[in-house]
Amino acid sequence: MAANVKSGRTPAEKAKTGVLAFFLNAIMIIFSATCIFPLVWMFYSSLKEKRVFNADIMGLPTDPTLSNYQKILTNKDYHIAQSMLASIRTTALSIFFIVLFGFIVGYILARINFKGNRLLYLIFLMGMLIPVHSLLVPIYVVFNKTGLGNQWFTLIIPYVAFGLPIAVFLVEGFIKSVPVELEEAAAIDGSSFTRTLFSIIMPVAKPILVTIAIIQTFSCWNEFSFALVLIKDVRLQTVPLAMTMFKGQFASDYPKIMAAMLVTMAPIVILYFIFSKQIIKGMVAGAVKG
């Protein structure tokens, strides 16, 4: 029936559909170009000297140079390499604990009925509703009083705390869609609770766990406010803080800033392209099963 309707369209209707599709595609291409062009502009601007950039901001470099990349990576005043290592350490440990604790707590809330189950779940949901920056001052005061501030592990604590609510929410919804028969069969075979949790359920929940890890990686890598307030030692500064070193009081070296931005963006961009399919699978799985 659908084939007959489609074949029965008049030439005018086909032309109208073709024109509409053309304009929609053109609009999508324009929107895509507006997203891609800033990155392209940043890249070729990072190949310019400062005086060349100031003379022609939008023009292509007439004499491309990698000196900006060399300076930001070798100049000790910028601390880019050191800051990237600090960001990698903080982000990796934060993601590990977010995924681990989020998976365990989400599974318990989804599978084990105990007094206060729903109350605990609501507390985690409330964590998603509270603006994290409203807690900036209280956390600063507590960390200073307890000596937790300005340490290599300082940022891991708030990052894990703020990442857990969404992780628990997604895992709890996903686990509810997993058949209980998997765990019952494992119990009959003599599998312990721990082995069932990590050897059977965790591989099944892999799509949603990878999605949580990628989303939280972007959040932890780019976080600025808590890093600015809680970290004072230059050796412990993360990438967002290191970027402020390129801004002067009266002038800024924009080519160096763009080179630094591209270098610090590279790990996240590469990570996204590697796991992009997994992210989409996880999102679809969460939408369908959750």
Protein backbone atom coordinates (compact mmCIF):
# COMPACT_ATOMS: atom_id res chain seq x y z
CA MET A 1 0.00 0.00 0.00
CA ALA A 2 2.83 2.39 0.90
CA ALA A 3 4.61 1.53 -2.34
CA ASN A 4 1.50 2.36 -4.36
CA VAL A 5 1.11 5.69 -2.62
CA LYS A 6 4.75 6.54 -3.20
CA SER A 7 4.66 5.53 -6.85
CA GLY A 8 1.47 7.54 -7.33
CA ARG A 9 3.09 10.86 -6.45
CA THR A 10 2.94 13.50 -9.13
CA PRO A 11 6.13 15.09 -10.59
CA ALA A 12 5.21 18.33 -8.82
CA GLU A 13 5.08 16.54 -5.44
CA LYS A 14 8.42 14.84 -6.11
CA ALA A 15 10.00 18.16 -7.07
CA LYS A 16 8.59 19.80 -3.93
CA THR A 17 10.00 17.00 -1.76
CA GLY A 18 13.39 17.28 -3.48
CA VAL A 19 13.56 21.05 -2.97
CA LEU A 20 12.58 20.67 0.70
CA ALA A 21 15.25 18.00 1.23
CA PHE A 22 17.83 20.21 -0.49
CA PHE A 23 17.12 23.18 1.77
CA LEU A 24 17.09 21.03 4.91
CA ASN A 25 20.45 19.51 3.95
CA ALA A 26 21.84 22.96 3.18
CA ILE A 27 20.74 24.24 6.60
CA MET A 28 22.37 21.24 8.32
CA ILE A 29 25.58 21.79 6.36
CA ILE A 30 25.66 25.46 7.40
CA PHE A 31 25.13 24.56 11.06
CA SER A 32 27.88 21.93 10.83
CA ALA A 33 30.25 24.45 9.26
CA THR A 34 29.63 26.91 12.10
CA CYS A 35 30.71 24.20 14.54
CA ILE A 36 33.77 23.08 12.57
CA PHE A 37 35.12 26.45 11.42
CA PRO A 38 36.15 27.71 14.92
CA LEU A 39 38.35 24.61 15.31
CA VAL A 40 39.87 25.10 11.87
CA TRP A 41 40.47 28.79 12.62
CA MET A 42 42.10 27.92 15.94
CA PHE A 43 44.40 25.44 14.23
CA TYR A 44 45.74 27.68 11.48
CA SER A 45 45.90 30.66 13.85
CA SER A 46 48.10 28.61 16.18
CA LEU A 47 50.58 28.35 13.30
CA LYS A 48 51.05 32.13 13.21
CA GLU A 49 53.40 34.42 15.05
CA LYS A 50 51.76 36.95 17.38
CA ARG A 51 52.49 39.96 15.14
CA VAL A 52 51.10 38.15 12.08
CA PHE A 53 47.95 37.21 13.94
CA ASN A 54 47.40 40.78 15.17
CA ALA A 55 47.86 42.10 11.62
CA ASP A 56 45.32 39.71 10.07
CA ILE A 57 43.15 37.73 12.47
CA MET A 58 41.18 35.71 9.92
CA GLY A 59 43.81 35.28 7.21
CA LEU A 60 45.69 32.06 6.55
CA PRO A 61 49.31 31.89 7.78
CA THR A 62 51.77 32.90 5.08
CA ASP A 63 54.68 31.31 6.91
CA PRO A 64 53.32 28.50 9.15
CA THR A 65 55.38 27.67 12.22
CA LEU A 66 55.18 25.17 15.08
CA SER A 67 57.08 27.46 17.43
CA ASN A 68 53.97 28.12 19.53
CA TYR A 69 53.56 24.41 20.25
CA GLN A 70 57.25 24.10 21.06
CA LYS A 71 57.12 27.05 23.46
CA ILE A 72 54.05 25.95 25.41
CA LEU A 73 55.41 22.43 25.86
CA THR A 74 58.97 23.36 26.78
CA ASN A 75 58.54 26.67 28.65
CA LYS A 76 58.37 25.93 32.38
CA ASP A 77 56.34 29.08 33.01
CA TYR A 78 53.30 27.58 31.28
CA HIS A 79 53.23 24.15 33.02
CA ILE A 80 51.11 22.65 30.22
CA ALA A 81 52.69 19.17 30.30
CA GLN A 82 52.60 19.10 34.11
CA SER A 83 48.99 20.29 34.14
CA MET A 84 47.96 17.65 31.61
CA LEU A 85 49.46 14.93 33.80
CA ALA A 86 47.60 16.35 36.81
CA SER A 87 44.34 16.43 34.84
CA ILE A 88 44.84 12.87 33.57
CA ARG A 89 45.49 11.59 37.10
CA THR A 90 42.54 13.45 38.63
CA THR A 91 40.16 12.53 35.81
CA ALA A 92 41.17 8.85 35.66
CA LEU A 93 40.82 8.29 39.42
CA SER A 94 37.54 10.22 39.55
CA ILE A 95 36.03 8.19 36.71
CA PHE A 96 37.20 4.92 38.29
CA PHE A 97 35.46 5.68 41.59
CA ILE A 98 32.34 7.15 39.94
CA VAL A 99 31.84 4.06 37.79
CA LEU A 100 32.69 1.60 40.59
CA PHE A 101 30.56 3.18 43.33
CA GLY A 102 27.79 4.14 40.90
CA PHE A 103 27.54 0.57 39.64
CA ILE A 104 27.51 -1.00 43.11
CA VAL A 105 25.02 1.46 44.63
CA GLY A 106 22.81 1.43 41.53
CA TYR A 107 22.70 -2.37 41.56
CA ILE A 108 21.84 -2.52 45.28
CA LEU A 109 19.05 0.04 44.88
CA ALA A 110 17.63 -1.82 41.88
CA ARG A 111 17.83 -5.37 43.24
CA ILE A 112 17.79 -5.35 47.04
CA ASN A 113 14.68 -4.28 48.92
CA PHE A 114 15.54 -2.85 52.32
CA LYS A 115 14.12 -0.22 54.62
CA GLY A 116 15.07 3.19 53.30
CA ASN A 117 15.76 2.00 49.75
CA ARG A 118 13.58 4.63 48.10
CA LEU A 119 14.71 7.30 50.53
CA LEU A 120 18.35 6.68 49.63
CA TYR A 121 17.42 6.73 45.94
CA LEU A 122 15.64 10.08 46.38
CA ILE A 123 18.69 11.50 48.15
CA PHE A 124 20.82 10.65 45.12
CA LEU A 125 18.19 12.19 42.83
CA MET A 126 18.29 15.37 44.91
CA GLY A 127 22.02 15.49 44.21
CA MET A 128 21.15 15.98 40.53
CA LEU A 129 18.90 18.94 41.34
CA ILE A 130 21.27 20.94 43.54
CA PRO A 131 23.49 23.37 41.56
CA VAL A 132 27.03 22.21 42.31
CA HIS A 133 28.46 25.73 42.36
CA SER A 134 26.13 26.68 45.21
CA LEU A 135 28.30 24.36 47.33
CA LEU A 136 31.56 26.02 46.31
CA VAL A 137 31.96 28.17 49.43
CA PRO A 138 30.95 25.47 51.98
CA ILE A 139 33.32 22.96 50.38
CA TYR A 140 36.13 25.51 50.36
CA VAL A 141 35.63 26.20 54.09
CA VAL A 142 35.42 22.49 55.00
CA PHE A 143 38.48 21.56 52.94
CA ASN A 144 40.54 24.36 54.46
CA LYS A 145 39.51 23.45 58.03
CA THR A 146 40.24 19.74 57.55
CA GLY A 147 43.45 20.09 55.56
CA LEU A 148 42.00 18.44 52.45
CA GLY A 149 42.62 21.48 50.26
CA ASN A 150 45.56 21.91 47.91
CA GLN A 151 46.43 18.20 47.80
CA TRP A 152 46.89 15.92 44.79
CA PHE A 153 43.62 14.15 45.69
CA THR A 154 41.64 17.29 46.58
CA LEU A 155 39.59 17.52 43.37
CA ILE A 156 38.83 13.81 43.26
CA ILE A 157 36.52 14.06 46.29
CA PRO A 158 34.04 16.65 44.91
CA TYR A 159 34.23 15.22 41.39
CA VAL A 160 33.20 11.77 42.63
CA ALA A 161 30.51 13.22 44.89
CA PHE A 162 28.96 15.27 42.09
CA GLY A 163 29.27 12.47 39.52
CA LEU A 164 27.63 9.75 41.62
CA PRO A 165 23.96 10.91 41.42
CA ILE A 166 23.70 10.65 37.63
CA ALA A 167 25.72 7.41 37.65
CA VAL A 168 23.43 5.81 40.25
CA PHE A 169 20.34 7.03 38.40
CA LEU A 170 21.43 5.54 35.07
CA VAL A 171 22.71 2.26 36.51
CA GLU A 172 19.59 1.72 38.65
CA GLY A 173 17.33 2.17 35.63
CA PHE A 174 19.48 -0.11 33.48
CA ILE A 175 19.78 -2.92 36.06
CA LYS A 176 16.00 -3.05 36.44
CA SER A 177 15.78 -4.08 32.80
CA VAL A 178 18.26 -6.96 33.23
CA PRO A 179 16.47 -10.30 33.83
CA VAL A 180 16.76 -11.52 37.42
CA GLU A 181 17.09 -15.04 36.02
CA LEU A 182 20.75 -14.32 35.24
CA GLU A 183 21.54 -13.92 38.94
CA GLU A 184 19.32 -16.83 39.96
CA ALA A 185 21.08 -19.13 37.50
CA ALA A 186 24.46 -17.97 38.78
CA ALA A 187 23.38 -18.60 42.38
CA ILE A 188 22.26 -22.13 41.50
CA ASP A 189 25.71 -22.75 39.97
CA GLY A 190 27.31 -21.68 43.24
CA SER A 191 28.46 -18.21 42.22
CA SER A 192 29.04 -15.78 45.08
CA PHE A 193 27.40 -12.35 45.22
CA THR A 194 30.67 -10.58 44.38
CA ARG A 195 31.43 -12.86 41.44
CA THR A 196 27.91 -12.52 40.07
CA LEU A 197 28.07 -8.74 40.41
CA PHE A 198 31.40 -8.22 38.67
CA SER A 199 31.61 -11.23 36.31
CA ILE A 200 28.02 -11.42 35.08
CA ILE A 201 26.13 -8.18 35.71
CA MET A 202 28.95 -5.73 35.04
CA PRO A 203 29.64 -7.00 31.47
CA VAL A 204 25.89 -6.77 30.76
CA ALA A 205 25.87 -3.18 32.04
CA LYS A 206 28.97 -2.24 30.03
CA PRO A 207 27.13 0.10 27.58
CA ILE A 208 25.71 2.32 30.33
CA LEU A 209 28.96 2.24 32.34
CA VAL A 210 31.00 3.36 29.33
CA THR A 211 28.49 6.14 28.69
CA ILE A 212 28.79 7.33 32.29
CA ALA A 213 32.59 7.22 32.07
CA ILE A 214 32.74 9.28 28.87
CA ILE A 215 30.24 11.92 30.06
CA GLN A 216 32.00 12.32 33.40
CA THR A 217 35.40 12.45 31.69
CA PHE A 218 34.33 15.56 29.80
CA SER A 219 32.97 17.08 33.01
CA CYS A 220 36.07 16.37 35.13
CA TRP A 221 38.56 17.39 32.43
CA ASN A 222 36.92 20.76 31.80
CA GLU A 223 35.94 21.65 35.38
CA PHE A 224 37.33 25.04 36.41
CA SER A 225 35.57 26.56 39.43
CA PHE A 226 36.46 23.99 42.09
CA ALA A 227 39.99 23.64 40.70
CA LEU A 228 40.45 27.42 40.94
CA VAL A 229 39.22 27.63 44.53
CA LEU A 230 40.66 24.43 46.02
CA ILE A 231 44.06 24.26 44.29
CA LYS A 232 46.78 26.84 44.94
CA ASP A 233 49.95 24.88 44.21
CA VAL A 234 51.07 25.42 40.59
CA ARG A 235 52.32 21.83 40.44
CA LEU A 236 48.80 20.55 41.09
CA GLN A 237 46.96 22.81 38.64
CA THR A 238 44.74 21.14 36.07
CA VAL A 239 44.49 22.09 32.40
CA PRO A 240 41.74 24.77 32.78
CA LEU A 241 43.87 26.57 35.39
CA ALA A 242 47.01 26.32 33.25
CA MET A 243 45.16 28.08 30.42
CA THR A 244 44.89 31.23 32.56
CA MET A 245 48.69 31.56 32.51
CA PHE A 246 48.54 32.78 28.90
CA LYS A 247 46.43 35.84 29.66
CA GLY A 248 48.38 38.95 30.54
CA GLN A 249 47.21 42.11 32.26
CA PHE A 250 47.42 44.31 29.17
CA ALA A 251 47.82 41.88 26.26
CA SER A 252 47.37 38.21 25.41
CA ASP A 253 49.33 35.96 23.09
CA TYR A 254 46.39 34.44 21.23
CA PRO A 255 48.36 32.08 18.94
CA LYS A 256 49.94 30.49 22.01
CA ILE A 257 46.53 30.31 23.71
CA MET A 258 45.07 28.53 20.68
CA ALA A 259 48.00 26.14 20.49
CA ALA A 260 47.56 25.32 24.18
CA MET A 261 43.82 24.84 23.74
CA LEU A 262 44.34 22.42 20.87
CA VAL A 263 46.95 20.44 22.80
CA THR A 264 44.71 20.15 25.87
CA MET A 265 41.65 19.32 23.76
CA ALA A 266 43.42 16.53 21.87
CA PRO A 267 43.06 13.73 24.49
CA ILE A 268 39.33 14.36 24.91
CA VAL A 269 38.65 14.62 21.18
CA ILE A 270 40.58 11.41 20.51
CA LEU A 271 38.73 9.67 23.34
CA TYR A 272 35.39 10.77 21.94
CA PHE A 273 36.13 9.50 18.43
CA ILE A 274 37.34 6.17 19.79
CA PHE A 275 34.25 5.59 21.93
CA SER A 276 31.62 7.53 19.95
CA LYS A 277 29.81 4.37 18.83
CA GLN A 278 29.84 3.04 22.37
CA ILE A 279 28.40 6.31 23.67
CA ILE A 280 25.53 6.14 21.18
CA LYS A 281 24.86 2.49 22.07
CA GLY A 282 24.85 3.34 25.75
CA MET A 283 22.47 6.26 25.28
CA VAL A 284 20.09 4.15 23.18
CA ALA A 285 20.26 1.29 25.68
CA GLY A 286 19.50 3.66 28.54
CA ALA A 287 16.60 5.22 26.64
CA VAL A 288 15.06 1.91 25.59
CA LYS A 289 15.72 -0.17 28.69
CA GLY A 290 15.62 2.51 31.34
